[in-house]
Protein backbone atom coordinates (compact mmCIF):
# COMPACT_ATOMS: atom_id res chain seq x y z
CA MET A 1 -3.96 72.84 38.50
CA THR A 2 -6.07 74.18 35.65
CA LEU A 3 -5.39 74.41 31.96
CA ASP A 4 -7.95 76.62 30.23
CA TRP A 5 -8.03 76.75 26.43
CA PRO A 6 -10.70 78.03 24.06
CA GLY A 7 -13.46 75.40 24.18
CA PHE A 8 -11.61 73.07 26.58
CA ARG A 9 -10.52 72.98 30.22
CA LEU A 10 -8.50 70.35 32.08
CA GLU A 11 -8.49 70.50 35.85
CA CYS A 12 -6.63 68.42 38.39
CA HIS A 13 -8.43 69.12 41.65
CA SER A 14 -6.79 69.04 45.08
CA ASP A 15 -8.72 65.83 45.86
CA GLY A 16 -6.98 64.07 42.95
CA TYR A 17 -9.81 64.18 40.41
CA LEU A 18 -9.12 65.02 36.77
CA THR A 19 -11.90 66.78 34.88
CA PHE A 20 -11.80 67.04 31.11
CA HIS A 21 -14.40 69.61 30.05
CA TRP A 22 -15.31 70.49 26.48
CA HIS A 23 -17.50 73.62 26.67
CA HIS A 24 -21.01 72.91 25.34
CA ASN A 25 -20.12 69.27 24.59
CA GLY A 26 -19.55 67.38 27.83
CA ALA A 27 -17.16 66.41 30.57
CA ILE A 28 -15.30 63.37 31.85
CA GLU A 29 -14.16 63.04 35.45
CA SER A 30 -11.95 60.39 36.96
CA HIS A 31 -9.55 60.09 39.87
CA VAL A 32 -5.94 60.49 38.76
CA ARG A 33 -5.10 57.05 40.25
CA HIS A 34 -6.95 55.57 37.27
CA CYS A 35 -4.65 57.35 34.81
CA SER A 36 -2.28 54.56 33.82
CA GLN A 37 -0.58 56.52 31.05
CA VAL A 38 -0.35 60.02 29.59
CA ARG A 39 1.43 60.82 26.33
CA LEU A 40 1.82 63.82 24.09
CA LEU A 41 2.09 62.52 20.54
CA PRO A 42 3.96 64.52 17.87
CA GLN A 43 2.27 66.76 15.37
CA GLY A 44 0.45 65.13 12.53
CA PRO A 45 -0.03 66.41 8.98
CA ASP A 46 -2.96 68.55 10.21
CA GLY A 47 -0.58 70.51 12.49
CA LEU A 48 -2.20 69.13 15.65
CA SER A 49 -0.60 67.01 18.33
CA GLN A 50 -2.57 64.45 20.33
CA TRP A 51 -2.67 64.42 24.11
CA VAL A 52 -3.61 60.88 25.12
CA PHE A 53 -4.77 59.84 28.58
CA GLN A 54 -5.50 56.18 29.38
CA LEU A 55 -7.87 55.70 32.28
CA ARG A 56 -8.08 52.10 33.54
CA PHE A 57 -10.78 50.86 35.87
CA PRO A 58 -9.68 47.35 36.94
CA GLU A 59 -11.80 47.14 40.11
CA GLY A 60 -15.36 45.96 40.34
CA PRO A 61 -17.46 43.50 38.41
CA THR A 62 -17.04 45.35 35.07
CA PRO A 63 -13.47 46.55 34.49
CA GLY A 64 -12.90 49.10 31.76
CA LEU A 65 -10.56 51.31 29.81
CA LEU A 66 -11.28 54.85 28.67
CA VAL A 67 -8.92 56.62 26.29
CA VAL A 68 -9.24 60.41 26.21
CA ARG A 69 -7.65 62.22 23.27
CA VAL A 70 -7.34 65.98 23.16
CA ASP A 71 -6.21 67.84 20.05
CA VAL A 72 -3.35 70.23 20.86
CA ALA A 73 -2.64 73.16 18.56
CA ALA A 74 1.01 74.03 17.93
CA ASP A 75 0.76 77.22 20.01
CA ARG A 76 -0.51 75.18 23.01
CA LEU A 77 2.05 72.39 22.81
CA GLU A 78 4.43 73.84 25.41
CA GLU A 79 1.57 74.27 27.93
CA ALA A 80 0.42 70.69 27.39
CA ASP A 81 3.99 69.43 27.79
CA GLN A 82 4.44 71.31 31.08
CA TYR A 83 1.08 70.08 32.41
CA THR A 84 1.99 66.52 31.42
CA ASP A 85 5.29 66.83 33.26
CA LEU A 86 3.51 68.13 36.38
CA LEU A 87 1.05 65.22 36.31
CA ARG A 88 3.88 62.70 35.92
CA ARG A 89 5.95 64.15 38.74
CA ARG A 90 3.08 64.78 41.15
CA PHE A 91 1.19 61.52 40.63
CA GLY A 92 3.78 59.17 39.13
CA ILE A 93 1.87 58.64 35.88
CA PRO A 94 4.11 56.90 33.34
CA GLU A 95 4.45 57.92 29.70
CA GLN A 96 3.71 54.34 28.76
CA ALA A 97 2.31 51.72 31.07
CA PRO A 98 4.51 48.64 31.41
CA ASP A 99 3.13 45.77 29.37
CA ALA A 100 4.65 42.33 29.77
CA ALA A 101 3.07 41.12 26.53
CA GLU A 102 4.63 44.01 24.62
CA GLU A 103 8.02 43.27 26.11
CA ALA A 104 7.74 39.70 24.84
CA GLY A 105 7.93 40.97 21.27
CA TRP A 106 5.82 40.76 18.15
CA GLN A 107 4.53 37.34 17.27
CA ARG A 108 1.79 35.81 15.17
CA VAL A 109 -1.03 33.99 16.95
CA PRO A 110 -1.07 30.33 15.85
CA VAL A 111 -4.02 29.52 13.58
CA ASP A 112 -5.26 26.73 15.87
CA SER A 113 -5.36 28.93 19.00
CA PRO A 114 -8.61 30.14 20.61
CA GLY A 115 -7.61 33.72 19.69
CA TRP A 116 -8.61 33.15 16.10
CA ILE A 117 -12.14 33.99 15.01
CA ALA A 118 -11.73 32.73 11.46
CA ALA A 119 -8.88 30.83 9.85
CA PRO A 120 -7.19 30.85 7.50
CA ALA A 121 -6.87 34.58 6.93
CA GLY A 122 -7.80 36.07 3.55
CA ALA A 123 -5.26 37.45 1.08
CA ALA A 124 -5.97 41.07 2.05
CA SER A 125 -5.42 40.25 5.74
CA GLU A 126 -2.15 38.49 4.96
CA GLU A 127 -1.01 41.50 2.93
CA LEU A 128 -1.89 43.87 5.79
CA PHE A 129 -0.09 41.62 8.30
CA ALA A 130 3.05 41.65 6.11
CA ALA A 131 2.93 45.44 5.76
CA VAL A 132 2.49 46.00 9.50
CA SER A 133 5.25 43.47 10.31
CA ALA A 134 7.62 45.28 7.94
CA ARG A 135 6.85 48.63 9.60
CA ILE A 136 7.43 47.17 13.07
CA ASP A 137 10.71 45.60 11.99
CA ALA A 138 11.85 48.92 10.50
CA ASP A 139 10.89 50.95 13.59
CA THR A 140 14.03 51.98 15.45
CA GLY A 141 12.15 53.54 18.40
């Protein structure tokens, strides 16, 4: 399966490898089994959508995560959506990877936990935390 756009090509080879190729800029290749999630995010104020692929590499001595984002113009959105659907059906790639921590809900890390680098948080950080919390609480999705 090949998707060929001006300046960009995405190929899913018969051996299961995905190749993201930006002409004159570079390429990324990974086996589709490492693709833990693929999403097509809605258009932003610039008129572009974002095609987001998460590639996880949990094996080996140095696990990793690579996020590949591709800008999708409005006139290419339907093609990207169809390609995404094919990848999901053919390889079972979810729209969003299951995350037990996310399912547990939003919570603040206690100040005395090892997750804190510095405590207490400054006023600007507290203000940002309040704003983000309010947005999360208001999100109906």
